[in-house]
Amino acid sequence: MAAYDLLALGAAACWAVGSVMSVMPSRHLGAFAFTRWRMAMVAVMLWSVVAVTGSWRSFAPADWGVMAVSGLIGIFIGDTALFSAMNRLGPRRAGVLFATHAAFSAALGFVLLGERMSPQALLGAVLTLAGVMTAMALGRHKDETHEWEANHGHVGSGVALALLAALCQAVGSLVAKPVMAAHVDPVMASAVRVTVATAAHGVLLLSGFQAARATQAPTARVLVRTGLNGFIAMGIGMTLVLLALEKGDVGMVAILSSVSPILVLPLLWLQLKRAPAPGAWVGAILTVLGTGLILWR
């Protein structure tokens, strides 16, 4: 088992916790405002670490531009689209669609970077993706009435936004891969990505774009939840992914990190006070088997 495997799985765990924590503040503030507040808080956290470690000194000028592009695509567009989709579809259905970023990443890595998988790893990847899709697509009870399973807005637009988020996640990782392969500081790389995305959100707000405004005024509880979400999902999770990309292939890192929807299931069990449907357990078993094949090499 390679170290980057564990890093990618750690990122998946962070994203699973973050997705469940984001539902309340994202629906309170709206996707754009929630993402903007979240990014601004994470940027402060990351730059504080960079200031203490002095890692900015070893960051080459060219790296700034590459990570800025990665941040604009993967975070500014990708995260905003994801939370817009989650507000419409809920965390379970948005999660199954976002998990397609693994397939996008594997395809892009194959075409553009020449990445290849062994037959065993390929079988594991197929089982993992099939398990994630099965668990999330069949994970709902027919009589489920919880608010998180209700539609809020147009379903078609929610699907399109989730797929856009998945594609942006894949492209953002692909862009960042060459810089991370040079073993730059991952916290510094994360700080640049988040800061550029935050600035883009600020420009969008100042331009008068109506959707960028908060739908409700932020409360202390919402801001605390938003900051904690950012620390776990972006501050830790995103940094773990960048660390994994130092040595891991884009496709393999994406596949392992895509198991986050499976990790969401027990969290939803706690929230909904009800065990997942049988389809979710079948998907979870397939995912465990697939992940085992990938790790056992």
C-alpha atoms as a PDB file:
ATOM      1  CA  MET A   1       0.000   0.000   0.000  1.00  0.00           C
ATOM      2  CA  ALA A   2       1.450   3.341  -1.052  1.00  0.00           C
ATOM      3  CA  ALA A   3       1.338   6.391   1.201  1.00  0.00           C
ATOM      4  CA  TYR A   4      -0.650   8.377  -1.355  1.00  0.00           C
ATOM      5  CA  ASP A   5      -3.412   5.748  -1.145  1.00  0.00           C
ATOM      6  CA  LEU A   6      -3.968   6.578   2.516  1.00  0.00           C
ATOM      7  CA  LEU A   7      -3.783  10.311   1.787  1.00  0.00           C
ATOM      8  CA  ALA A   8      -6.501  10.013  -0.862  1.00  0.00           C
ATOM      9  CA  LEU A   9      -8.709   7.966   1.478  1.00  0.00           C
ATOM     10  CA  GLY A  10      -8.108  10.528   4.225  1.00  0.00           C
ATOM     11  CA  ALA A  11      -9.301  13.258   1.864  1.00  0.00           C
ATOM     12  CA  ALA A  12     -12.420  11.198   1.141  1.00  0.00           C
ATOM     13  CA  ALA A  13     -13.173  11.019   4.861  1.00  0.00           C
ATOM     14  CA  CYS A  14     -12.736  14.792   5.225  1.00  0.00           C
ATOM     15  CA  TRP A  15     -15.023  15.451   2.258  1.00  0.00           C
ATOM     16  CA  ALA A  16     -17.664  13.092   3.640  1.00  0.00           C
ATOM     17  CA  VAL A  17     -17.786  14.952   6.952  1.00  0.00           C
ATOM     18  CA  GLY A  18     -17.709  18.288   5.140  1.00  0.00           C
ATOM     19  CA  SER A  19     -20.586  17.432   2.805  1.00  0.00           C
ATOM     20  CA  VAL A  20     -22.909  16.588   5.690  1.00  0.00           C
ATOM     21  CA  MET A  21     -21.841  19.663   7.682  1.00  0.00           C
ATOM     22  CA  SER A  22     -22.414  21.955   4.691  1.00  0.00           C
ATOM     23  CA  VAL A  23     -26.126  21.334   4.175  1.00  0.00           C
ATOM     24  CA  MET A  24     -27.432  23.749   6.814  1.00  0.00           C
ATOM     25  CA  PRO A  25     -25.095  26.729   6.230  1.00  0.00           C
ATOM     26  CA  SER A  26     -25.163  26.339   2.445  1.00  0.00           C
ATOM     27  CA  ARG A  27     -28.949  26.454   2.305  1.00  0.00           C
ATOM     28  CA  HIS A  28     -28.991  29.348   4.783  1.00  0.00           C
ATOM     29  CA  LEU A  29     -26.509  31.540   2.903  1.00  0.00           C
ATOM     30  CA  GLY A  30     -26.932  30.251  -0.635  1.00  0.00           C
ATOM     31  CA  ALA A  31     -24.244  28.403  -2.584  1.00  0.00           C
ATOM     32  CA  PHE A  32     -22.262  31.473  -3.661  1.00  0.00           C
ATOM     33  CA  ALA A  33     -22.198  33.214  -0.288  1.00  0.00           C
ATOM     34  CA  PHE A  34     -21.480  29.979   1.585  1.00  0.00           C
ATOM     35  CA  THR A  35     -18.566  29.163  -0.723  1.00  0.00           C
ATOM     36  CA  ARG A  36     -17.205  32.709  -0.428  1.00  0.00           C
ATOM     37  CA  TRP A  37     -17.303  32.744   3.382  1.00  0.00           C
ATOM     38  CA  ARG A  38     -15.858  29.251   3.541  1.00  0.00           C
ATOM     39  CA  MET A  39     -12.967  30.045   1.217  1.00  0.00           C
ATOM     40  CA  ALA A  40     -12.124  33.323   2.939  1.00  0.00           C
ATOM     41  CA  MET A  41     -11.894  31.580   6.314  1.00  0.00           C
ATOM     42  CA  VAL A  42      -9.769  28.750   4.915  1.00  0.00           C
ATOM     43  CA  ALA A  43      -7.462  31.245   3.163  1.00  0.00           C
ATOM     44  CA  VAL A  44      -6.757  32.937   6.505  1.00  0.00           C
ATOM     45  CA  MET A  45      -6.023  29.553   8.109  1.00  0.00           C
ATOM     46  CA  LEU A  46      -3.674  28.427   5.338  1.00  0.00           C
ATOM     47  CA  TRP A  47      -1.750  31.707   5.033  1.00  0.00           C
ATOM     48  CA  SER A  48      -1.243  31.687   8.805  1.00  0.00           C
ATOM     49  CA  VAL A  49       0.504  28.318   8.483  1.00  0.00           C
ATOM     50  CA  VAL A  50       2.520  29.541   5.465  1.00  0.00           C
ATOM     51  CA  ALA A  51       3.637  32.654   7.375  1.00  0.00           C
ATOM     52  CA  VAL A  52       4.900  30.521  10.249  1.00  0.00           C
ATOM     53  CA  THR A  53       6.691  27.938   8.088  1.00  0.00           C
ATOM     54  CA  GLY A  54       8.005  30.380   5.468  1.00  0.00           C
ATOM     55  CA  SER A  55       7.168  27.888   2.710  1.00  0.00           C
ATOM     56  CA  TRP A  56       6.242  30.698   0.291  1.00  0.00           C
ATOM     57  CA  ARG A  57       9.961  31.334  -0.303  1.00  0.00           C
ATOM     58  CA  SER A  58      10.402  28.023  -2.144  1.00  0.00           C
ATOM     59  CA  PHE A  59       7.373  28.511  -4.400  1.00  0.00           C
ATOM     60  CA  ALA A  60       8.530  29.242  -7.965  1.00  0.00           C
ATOM     61  CA  PRO A  61       6.876  32.154  -9.875  1.00  0.00           C
ATOM     62  CA  ALA A  62       5.512  29.771 -12.514  1.00  0.00           C
ATOM     63  CA  ASP A  63       3.854  27.666  -9.803  1.00  0.00           C
ATOM     64  CA  TRP A  64       1.699  30.608  -8.746  1.00  0.00           C
ATOM     65  CA  GLY A  65       0.063  30.810 -12.168  1.00  0.00           C
ATOM     66  CA  VAL A  66      -0.523  27.076 -12.470  1.00  0.00           C
ATOM     67  CA  MET A  67      -2.098  26.776  -9.027  1.00  0.00           C
ATOM     68  CA  ALA A  68      -4.163  29.903  -9.660  1.00  0.00           C
ATOM     69  CA  VAL A  69      -5.679  28.288 -12.764  1.00  0.00           C
ATOM     70  CA  SER A  70      -6.263  25.075 -10.800  1.00  0.00           C
ATOM     71  CA  GLY A  71      -8.034  27.070  -8.073  1.00  0.00           C
ATOM     72  CA  LEU A  72     -10.252  28.963 -10.493  1.00  0.00           C
ATOM     73  CA  ILE A  73     -11.405  25.753 -12.178  1.00  0.00           C
ATOM     74  CA  GLY A  74     -11.450  23.281  -9.319  1.00  0.00           C
ATOM     75  CA  ILE A  75     -12.583  25.529  -6.458  1.00  0.00           C
ATOM     76  CA  PHE A  76     -14.201  28.713  -7.768  1.00  0.00           C
ATOM     77  CA  ILE A  77     -16.291  26.967 -10.425  1.00  0.00           C
ATOM     78  CA  GLY A  78     -16.240  23.411  -9.067  1.00  0.00           C
ATOM     79  CA  ASP A  79     -17.128  24.038  -5.424  1.00  0.00           C
ATOM     80  CA  THR A  80     -19.760  26.639  -6.251  1.00  0.00           C
ATOM     81  CA  ALA A  81     -21.403  24.260  -8.727  1.00  0.00           C
ATOM     82  CA  LEU A  82     -21.269  21.408  -6.209  1.00  0.00           C
ATOM     83  CA  PHE A  83     -22.989  23.312  -3.416  1.00  0.00           C
ATOM     84  CA  SER A  84     -25.545  24.681  -5.876  1.00  0.00           C
ATOM     85  CA  ALA A  85     -26.307  21.087  -6.843  1.00  0.00           C
ATOM     86  CA  MET A  86     -26.404  19.982  -3.204  1.00  0.00           C
ATOM     87  CA  ASN A  87     -28.900  22.722  -2.374  1.00  0.00           C
ATOM     88  CA  ARG A  88     -31.183  21.352  -5.106  1.00  0.00           C
ATOM     89  CA  LEU A  89     -30.655  17.593  -4.761  1.00  0.00           C
ATOM     90  CA  GLY A  90     -29.399  17.011  -1.223  1.00  0.00           C
ATOM     91  CA  PRO A  91     -26.055  15.459  -0.210  1.00  0.00           C
ATOM     92  CA  ARG A  92     -26.826  11.890  -1.288  1.00  0.00           C
ATOM     93  CA  ARG A  93     -27.865  12.506  -4.889  1.00  0.00           C
ATOM     94  CA  ALA A  94     -25.345  15.284  -5.429  1.00  0.00           C
ATOM     95  CA  GLY A  95     -22.694  12.918  -4.062  1.00  0.00           C
ATOM     96  CA  VAL A  96     -23.383  10.152  -6.569  1.00  0.00           C
ATOM     97  CA  LEU A  97     -23.110  12.583  -9.476  1.00  0.00           C
ATOM     98  CA  PHE A  98     -19.988  14.273  -8.117  1.00  0.00           C
ATOM     99  CA  ALA A  99     -18.333  10.859  -7.757  1.00  0.00           C
ATOM    100  CA  THR A 100     -18.078  10.792 -11.556  1.00  0.00           C
ATOM    101  CA  HIS A 101     -15.033  13.046 -11.136  1.00  0.00           C
ATOM    102  CA  ALA A 102     -13.061   9.825 -10.705  1.00  0.00           C
ATOM    103  CA  ALA A 103     -14.042   8.650 -14.182  1.00  0.00           C
ATOM    104  CA  PHE A 104     -13.284  12.083 -15.658  1.00  0.00           C
ATOM    105  CA  SER A 105      -9.884  12.112 -13.920  1.00  0.00           C
ATOM    106  CA  ALA A 106      -8.972   8.602 -15.052  1.00  0.00           C
ATOM    107  CA  ALA A 107      -9.907   9.420 -18.654  1.00  0.00           C
ATOM    108  CA  LEU A 108      -7.995  12.715 -18.675  1.00  0.00           C
ATOM    109  CA  GLY A 109      -4.984  11.116 -17.008  1.00  0.00           C
ATOM    110  CA  PHE A 110      -4.982   8.355 -19.624  1.00  0.00           C
ATOM    111  CA  VAL A 111      -5.288  10.714 -22.606  1.00  0.00           C
ATOM    112  CA  LEU A 112      -3.144  13.655 -21.481  1.00  0.00           C
ATOM    113  CA  LEU A 113      -0.621  12.158 -19.036  1.00  0.00           C
ATOM    114  CA  GLY A 114      -0.323   8.627 -20.373  1.00  0.00           C
ATOM    115  CA  GLU A 115      -1.321   7.103 -17.013  1.00  0.00           C
ATOM    116  CA  ARG A 116      -1.983   3.361 -17.050  1.00  0.00           C
ATOM    117  CA  MET A 117      -3.455   0.890 -14.539  1.00  0.00           C
ATOM    118  CA  SER A 118      -2.647  -2.756 -13.957  1.00  0.00           C
ATOM    119  CA  PRO A 119      -5.508  -5.215 -14.688  1.00  0.00           C
ATOM    120  CA  GLN A 120      -6.031  -5.676 -10.933  1.00  0.00           C
ATOM    121  CA  ALA A 121      -6.148  -1.937 -10.269  1.00  0.00           C
ATOM    122  CA  LEU A 122      -8.494  -1.434 -13.222  1.00  0.00           C
ATOM    123  CA  LEU A 123     -10.877  -4.084 -11.879  1.00  0.00           C
ATOM    124  CA  GLY A 124     -10.685  -2.443  -8.463  1.00  0.00           C
ATOM    125  CA  ALA A 125     -11.429   0.958  -9.987  1.00  0.00           C
ATOM    126  CA  VAL A 126     -14.482  -0.397 -11.820  1.00  0.00           C
ATOM    127  CA  LEU A 127     -15.802  -2.096  -8.663  1.00  0.00           C
ATOM    128  CA  THR A 128     -15.180   1.045  -6.577  1.00  0.00           C
ATOM    129  CA  LEU A 129     -17.022   3.340  -8.972  1.00  0.00           C
ATOM    130  CA  ALA A 130     -19.847   0.819  -9.411  1.00  0.00           C
ATOM    131  CA  GLY A 131     -20.147   0.520  -5.645  1.00  0.00           C
ATOM    132  CA  VAL A 132     -20.301   4.277  -5.115  1.00  0.00           C
ATOM    133  CA  MET A 133     -22.947   4.689  -7.806  1.00  0.00           C
ATOM    134  CA  THR A 134     -25.010   1.751  -6.522  1.00  0.00           C
ATOM    135  CA  ALA A 135     -24.902   2.906  -2.912  1.00  0.00           C
ATOM    136  CA  MET A 136     -25.936   6.441  -3.685  1.00  0.00           C
ATOM    137  CA  ALA A 137     -28.467   5.681  -6.432  1.00  0.00           C
ATOM    138  CA  LEU A 138     -30.230   2.927  -4.447  1.00  0.00           C
ATOM    139  CA  GLY A 139     -29.500   4.231  -0.966  1.00  0.00           C
ATOM    140  CA  ARG A 140     -32.845   5.944  -0.396  1.00  0.00           C
ATOM    141  CA  HIS A 141     -35.883   4.328   1.201  1.00  0.00           C
ATOM    142  CA  LYS A 142     -39.025   4.723  -0.904  1.00  0.00           C
ATOM    143  CA  ASP A 143     -40.919   6.315   1.983  1.00  0.00           C
ATOM    144  CA  GLU A 144     -38.088   8.688   2.980  1.00  0.00           C
ATOM    145  CA  THR A 145     -39.481  12.139   3.864  1.00  0.00           C
ATOM    146  CA  HIS A 146     -36.450  13.876   5.376  1.00  0.00           C
ATOM    147  CA  GLU A 147     -35.764  17.368   4.052  1.00  0.00           C
ATOM    148  CA  TRP A 148     -32.337  16.308   2.786  1.00  0.00           C
ATOM    149  CA  GLU A 149     -34.000  13.926   0.313  1.00  0.00           C
ATOM    150  CA  ALA A 150     -36.485  16.510  -1.014  1.00  0.00           C
ATOM    151  CA  ASN A 151     -36.011  18.470  -4.244  1.00  0.00           C
ATOM    152  CA  HIS A 152     -35.316  22.184  -3.867  1.00  0.00           C
ATOM    153  CA  GLY A 153     -35.506  23.689  -7.333  1.00  0.00           C
ATOM    154  CA  HIS A 154     -35.124  22.221 -10.809  1.00  0.00           C
ATOM    155  CA  VAL A 155     -33.737  18.670 -10.752  1.00  0.00           C
ATOM    156  CA  GLY A 156     -32.228  18.925 -14.225  1.00  0.00           C
ATOM    157  CA  SER A 157     -30.182  21.979 -13.307  1.00  0.00           C
ATOM    158  CA  GLY A 158     -29.010  20.211 -10.137  1.00  0.00           C
ATOM    159  CA  VAL A 159     -27.785  17.241 -12.177  1.00  0.00           C
ATOM    160  CA  ALA A 160     -25.991  19.511 -14.652  1.00  0.00           C
ATOM    161  CA  LEU A 161     -24.321  21.461 -11.839  1.00  0.00           C
ATOM    162  CA  ALA A 162     -23.118  18.290 -10.085  1.00  0.00           C
ATOM    163  CA  LEU A 163     -21.593  16.956 -13.318  1.00  0.00           C
ATOM    164  CA  LEU A 164     -19.967  20.343 -13.962  1.00  0.00           C
ATOM    165  CA  ALA A 165     -18.491  20.213 -10.440  1.00  0.00           C
ATOM    166  CA  ALA A 166     -17.130  16.713 -11.114  1.00  0.00           C
ATOM    167  CA  LEU A 167     -15.503  17.796 -14.384  1.00  0.00           C
ATOM    168  CA  CYS A 168     -13.965  20.884 -12.745  1.00  0.00           C
ATOM    169  CA  GLN A 169     -12.592  18.769  -9.908  1.00  0.00           C
ATOM    170  CA  ALA A 170     -10.922  16.477 -12.429  1.00  0.00           C
ATOM    171  CA  VAL A 171      -9.479  19.312 -14.524  1.00  0.00           C
ATOM    172  CA  GLY A 172      -8.293  21.198 -11.426  1.00  0.00           C
ATOM    173  CA  SER A 173      -6.383  18.125 -10.222  1.00  0.00           C
ATOM    174  CA  LEU A 174      -4.930  17.553 -13.672  1.00  0.00           C
ATOM    175  CA  VAL A 175      -3.633  21.130 -13.832  1.00  0.00           C
ATOM    176  CA  ALA A 176      -2.105  20.889 -10.343  1.00  0.00           C
ATOM    177  CA  LYS A 177      -0.401  17.512 -10.924  1.00  0.00           C
ATOM    178  CA  PRO A 178       2.858  18.785 -12.582  1.00  0.00           C
ATOM    179  CA  VAL A 179       3.455  21.329  -9.807  1.00  0.00           C
ATOM    180  CA  MET A 180       2.742  18.841  -7.035  1.00  0.00           C
ATOM    181  CA  ALA A 181       5.001  16.255  -8.696  1.00  0.00           C
ATOM    182  CA  ALA A 182       7.856  18.722  -8.086  1.00  0.00           C
ATOM    183  CA  HIS A 183       7.210  18.316  -4.318  1.00  0.00           C
ATOM    184  CA  VAL A 184       6.173  21.886  -3.562  1.00  0.00           C
ATOM    185  CA  ASP A 185       4.661  22.639  -0.159  1.00  0.00           C
ATOM    186  CA  PRO A 186       1.005  21.441  -0.275  1.00  0.00           C
ATOM    187  CA  VAL A 187      -0.206  24.025   2.262  1.00  0.00           C
ATOM    188  CA  MET A 188       1.265  26.830   0.160  1.00  0.00           C
ATOM    189  CA  ALA A 189      -0.279  25.323  -2.981  1.00  0.00           C
ATOM    190  CA  SER A 190      -3.664  25.096  -1.245  1.00  0.00           C
ATOM    191  CA  ALA A 191      -3.357  28.687  -0.022  1.00  0.00           C
ATOM    192  CA  VAL A 192      -2.795  29.979  -3.564  1.00  0.00           C
ATOM    193  CA  ARG A 193      -5.703  27.977  -4.982  1.00  0.00           C
ATOM    194  CA  VAL A 194      -8.125  29.082  -2.269  1.00  0.00           C
ATOM    195  CA  THR A 195      -7.034  32.736  -2.344  1.00  0.00           C
ATOM    196  CA  VAL A 196      -7.506  33.040  -6.104  1.00  0.00           C
ATOM    197  CA  ALA A 197     -10.932  31.416  -5.859  1.00  0.00           C
ATOM    198  CA  THR A 198     -11.900  33.750  -2.995  1.00  0.00           C
ATOM    199  CA  ALA A 199     -10.799  36.789  -5.007  1.00  0.00           C
ATOM    200  CA  ALA A 200     -12.880  35.612  -7.977  1.00  0.00           C
ATOM    201  CA  HIS A 201     -15.911  35.328  -5.701  1.00  0.00           C
ATOM    202  CA  GLY A 202     -15.241  38.844  -4.411  1.00  0.00           C
ATOM    203  CA  VAL A 203     -15.154  40.217  -7.948  1.00  0.00           C
ATOM    204  CA  LEU A 204     -18.422  38.422  -8.694  1.00  0.00           C
ATOM    205  CA  LEU A 205     -20.060  39.983  -5.630  1.00  0.00           C
ATOM    206  CA  LEU A 206     -18.777  43.495  -6.423  1.00  0.00           C
ATOM    207  CA  SER A 207     -19.989  43.181 -10.002  1.00  0.00           C
ATOM    208  CA  GLY A 208     -23.560  43.141  -8.712  1.00  0.00           C
ATOM    209  CA  PHE A 209     -24.281  39.526  -9.634  1.00  0.00           C
ATOM    210  CA  GLN A 210     -27.492  38.870  -7.740  1.00  0.00           C
ATOM    211  CA  ALA A 211     -26.908  35.185  -7.027  1.00  0.00           C
ATOM    212  CA  ALA A 212     -23.629  36.037  -5.273  1.00  0.00           C
ATOM    213  CA  ARG A 213     -25.489  37.782  -2.453  1.00  0.00           C
ATOM    214  CA  ALA A 214     -26.415  35.858   0.667  1.00  0.00           C
ATOM    215  CA  THR A 215     -30.020  34.691   0.681  1.00  0.00           C
ATOM    216  CA  GLN A 216     -30.139  35.266   4.469  1.00  0.00           C
ATOM    217  CA  ALA A 217     -27.917  37.220   6.829  1.00  0.00           C
ATOM    218  CA  PRO A 218     -25.183  35.024   8.378  1.00  0.00           C
ATOM    219  CA  THR A 219     -25.572  34.106  12.033  1.00  0.00           C
ATOM    220  CA  ALA A 220     -22.805  33.179  14.478  1.00  0.00           C
ATOM    221  CA  ARG A 221     -23.875  29.516  14.364  1.00  0.00           C
ATOM    222  CA  VAL A 222     -23.816  29.467  10.571  1.00  0.00           C
ATOM    223  CA  LEU A 223     -20.374  31.086  10.411  1.00  0.00           C
ATOM    224  CA  VAL A 224     -18.903  28.699  12.994  1.00  0.00           C
ATOM    225  CA  ARG A 225     -20.298  25.733  11.063  1.00  0.00           C
ATOM    226  CA  THR A 226     -18.967  27.200   7.820  1.00  0.00           C
ATOM    227  CA  GLY A 227     -15.479  27.746   9.239  1.00  0.00           C
ATOM    228  CA  LEU A 228     -15.316  24.245  10.714  1.00  0.00           C
ATOM    229  CA  ASN A 229     -16.519  22.801   7.429  1.00  0.00           C
ATOM    230  CA  GLY A 230     -13.822  24.702   5.548  1.00  0.00           C
ATOM    231  CA  PHE A 231     -11.091  23.589   7.945  1.00  0.00           C
ATOM    232  CA  ILE A 232     -12.009  19.898   7.593  1.00  0.00           C
ATOM    233  CA  ALA A 233     -13.003  19.654   3.935  1.00  0.00           C
ATOM    234  CA  MET A 234     -10.706  22.241   2.364  1.00  0.00           C
ATOM    235  CA  GLY A 235      -7.923  22.961   4.828  1.00  0.00           C
ATOM    236  CA  ILE A 236      -7.228  19.288   5.546  1.00  0.00           C
ATOM    237  CA  GLY A 237      -8.994  17.401   2.749  1.00  0.00           C
ATOM    238  CA  MET A 238      -7.723  19.464  -0.166  1.00  0.00           C
ATOM    239  CA  THR A 239      -4.177  19.495   1.217  1.00  0.00           C
ATOM    240  CA  LEU A 240      -4.247  15.684   1.525  1.00  0.00           C
ATOM    241  CA  VAL A 241      -5.280  15.405  -2.130  1.00  0.00           C
ATOM    242  CA  LEU A 242      -2.436  17.651  -3.231  1.00  0.00           C
ATOM    243  CA  LEU A 243      -0.016  15.564  -1.164  1.00  0.00           C
ATOM    244  CA  ALA A 244      -1.370  12.405  -2.810  1.00  0.00           C
ATOM    245  CA  LEU A 245      -0.814  13.946  -6.256  1.00  0.00           C
ATOM    246  CA  GLU A 246       2.910  14.290  -5.552  1.00  0.00           C
ATOM    247  CA  LYS A 247       3.441  10.604  -6.356  1.00  0.00           C
ATOM    248  CA  GLY A 248       0.031   9.206  -7.218  1.00  0.00           C
ATOM    249  CA  ASP A 249      -1.600   9.188 -10.645  1.00  0.00           C
ATOM    250  CA  VAL A 250      -4.434  11.668 -11.115  1.00  0.00           C
ATOM    251  CA  GLY A 251      -6.910   8.882 -11.933  1.00  0.00           C
ATOM    252  CA  MET A 252      -5.970   6.631  -9.014  1.00  0.00           C
ATOM    253  CA  VAL A 253      -6.044   9.464  -6.478  1.00  0.00           C
ATOM    254  CA  ALA A 254      -9.452  10.519  -7.799  1.00  0.00           C
ATOM    255  CA  ILE A 255     -10.848   6.986  -7.600  1.00  0.00           C
ATOM    256  CA  LEU A 256      -9.751   6.492  -3.996  1.00  0.00           C
ATOM    257  CA  SER A 257     -10.986   9.935  -2.937  1.00  0.00           C
ATOM    258  CA  SER A 258     -14.323   9.265  -4.676  1.00  0.00           C
ATOM    259  CA  VAL A 259     -15.353   6.826  -1.914  1.00  0.00           C
ATOM    260  CA  SER A 260     -16.498   9.796   0.172  1.00  0.00           C
ATOM    261  CA  PRO A 261     -20.190   9.167  -0.696  1.00  0.00           C
ATOM    262  CA  ILE A 262     -19.849   5.710   0.888  1.00  0.00           C
ATOM    263  CA  LEU A 263     -18.422   7.299   4.022  1.00  0.00           C
ATOM    264  CA  VAL A 264     -21.387   9.684   4.036  1.00  0.00           C
ATOM    265  CA  LEU A 265     -23.803   6.773   4.554  1.00  0.00           C
ATOM    266  CA  PRO A 266     -23.156   6.208   8.292  1.00  0.00           C
ATOM    267  CA  LEU A 267     -23.241   9.978   8.809  1.00  0.00           C
ATOM    268  CA  LEU A 268     -26.639  10.132   7.110  1.00  0.00           C
ATOM    269  CA  TRP A 269     -27.733   7.200   9.272  1.00  0.00           C
ATOM    270  CA  LEU A 270     -26.984   9.289  12.343  1.00  0.00           C
ATOM    271  CA  GLN A 271     -28.749  12.339  10.900  1.00  0.00           C
ATOM    272  CA  LEU A 272     -31.818  10.580   9.469  1.00  0.00           C
ATOM    273  CA  LYS A 273     -32.135   8.141  12.421  1.00  0.00           C
ATOM    274  CA  ARG A 274     -32.576   5.312   9.929  1.00  0.00           C
ATOM    275  CA  ALA A 275     -30.287   2.679   8.433  1.00  0.00           C
ATOM    276  CA  PRO A 276     -29.462   3.027   4.716  1.00  0.00           C
ATOM    277  CA  ALA A 277     -31.513   1.031   2.231  1.00  0.00           C
ATOM    278  CA  PRO A 278     -30.288  -2.452   1.122  1.00  0.00           C
ATOM    279  CA  GLY A 279     -28.877  -1.004  -2.104  1.00  0.00           C
ATOM    280  CA  ALA A 280     -26.532   1.163  -0.076  1.00  0.00           C
ATOM    281  CA  TRP A 281     -25.064  -1.898   1.660  1.00  0.00           C
ATOM    282  CA  VAL A 282     -24.546  -3.683  -1.681  1.00  0.00           C
ATOM    283  CA  GLY A 283     -22.739  -0.612  -3.000  1.00  0.00           C
ATOM    284  CA  ALA A 284     -20.633  -0.335   0.133  1.00  0.00           C
ATOM    285  CA  ILE A 285     -19.506  -3.977  -0.187  1.00  0.00           C
ATOM    286  CA  LEU A 286     -18.536  -3.455  -3.843  1.00  0.00           C
ATOM    287  CA  THR A 287     -16.607  -0.322  -2.906  1.00  0.00           C
ATOM    288  CA  VAL A 288     -14.712  -2.091  -0.125  1.00  0.00           C
ATOM    289  CA  LEU A 289     -13.787  -4.943  -2.486  1.00  0.00           C
ATOM    290  CA  GLY A 290     -12.709  -2.526  -5.210  1.00  0.00           C
ATOM    291  CA  THR A 291     -10.658  -0.382  -2.851  1.00  0.00           C
ATOM    292  CA  GLY A 292      -9.021  -3.526  -1.481  1.00  0.00           C
ATOM    293  CA  LEU A 293      -7.933  -4.587  -4.977  1.00  0.00           C
ATOM    294  CA  ILE A 294      -6.461  -1.130  -5.605  1.00  0.00           C
ATOM    295  CA  LEU A 295      -4.562  -1.046  -2.309  1.00  0.00           C
ATOM    296  CA  TRP A 296      -3.319  -4.661  -2.467  1.00  0.00           C
ATOM    297  CA  ARG A 297      -0.368  -4.341  -4.821  1.00  0.00           C
END
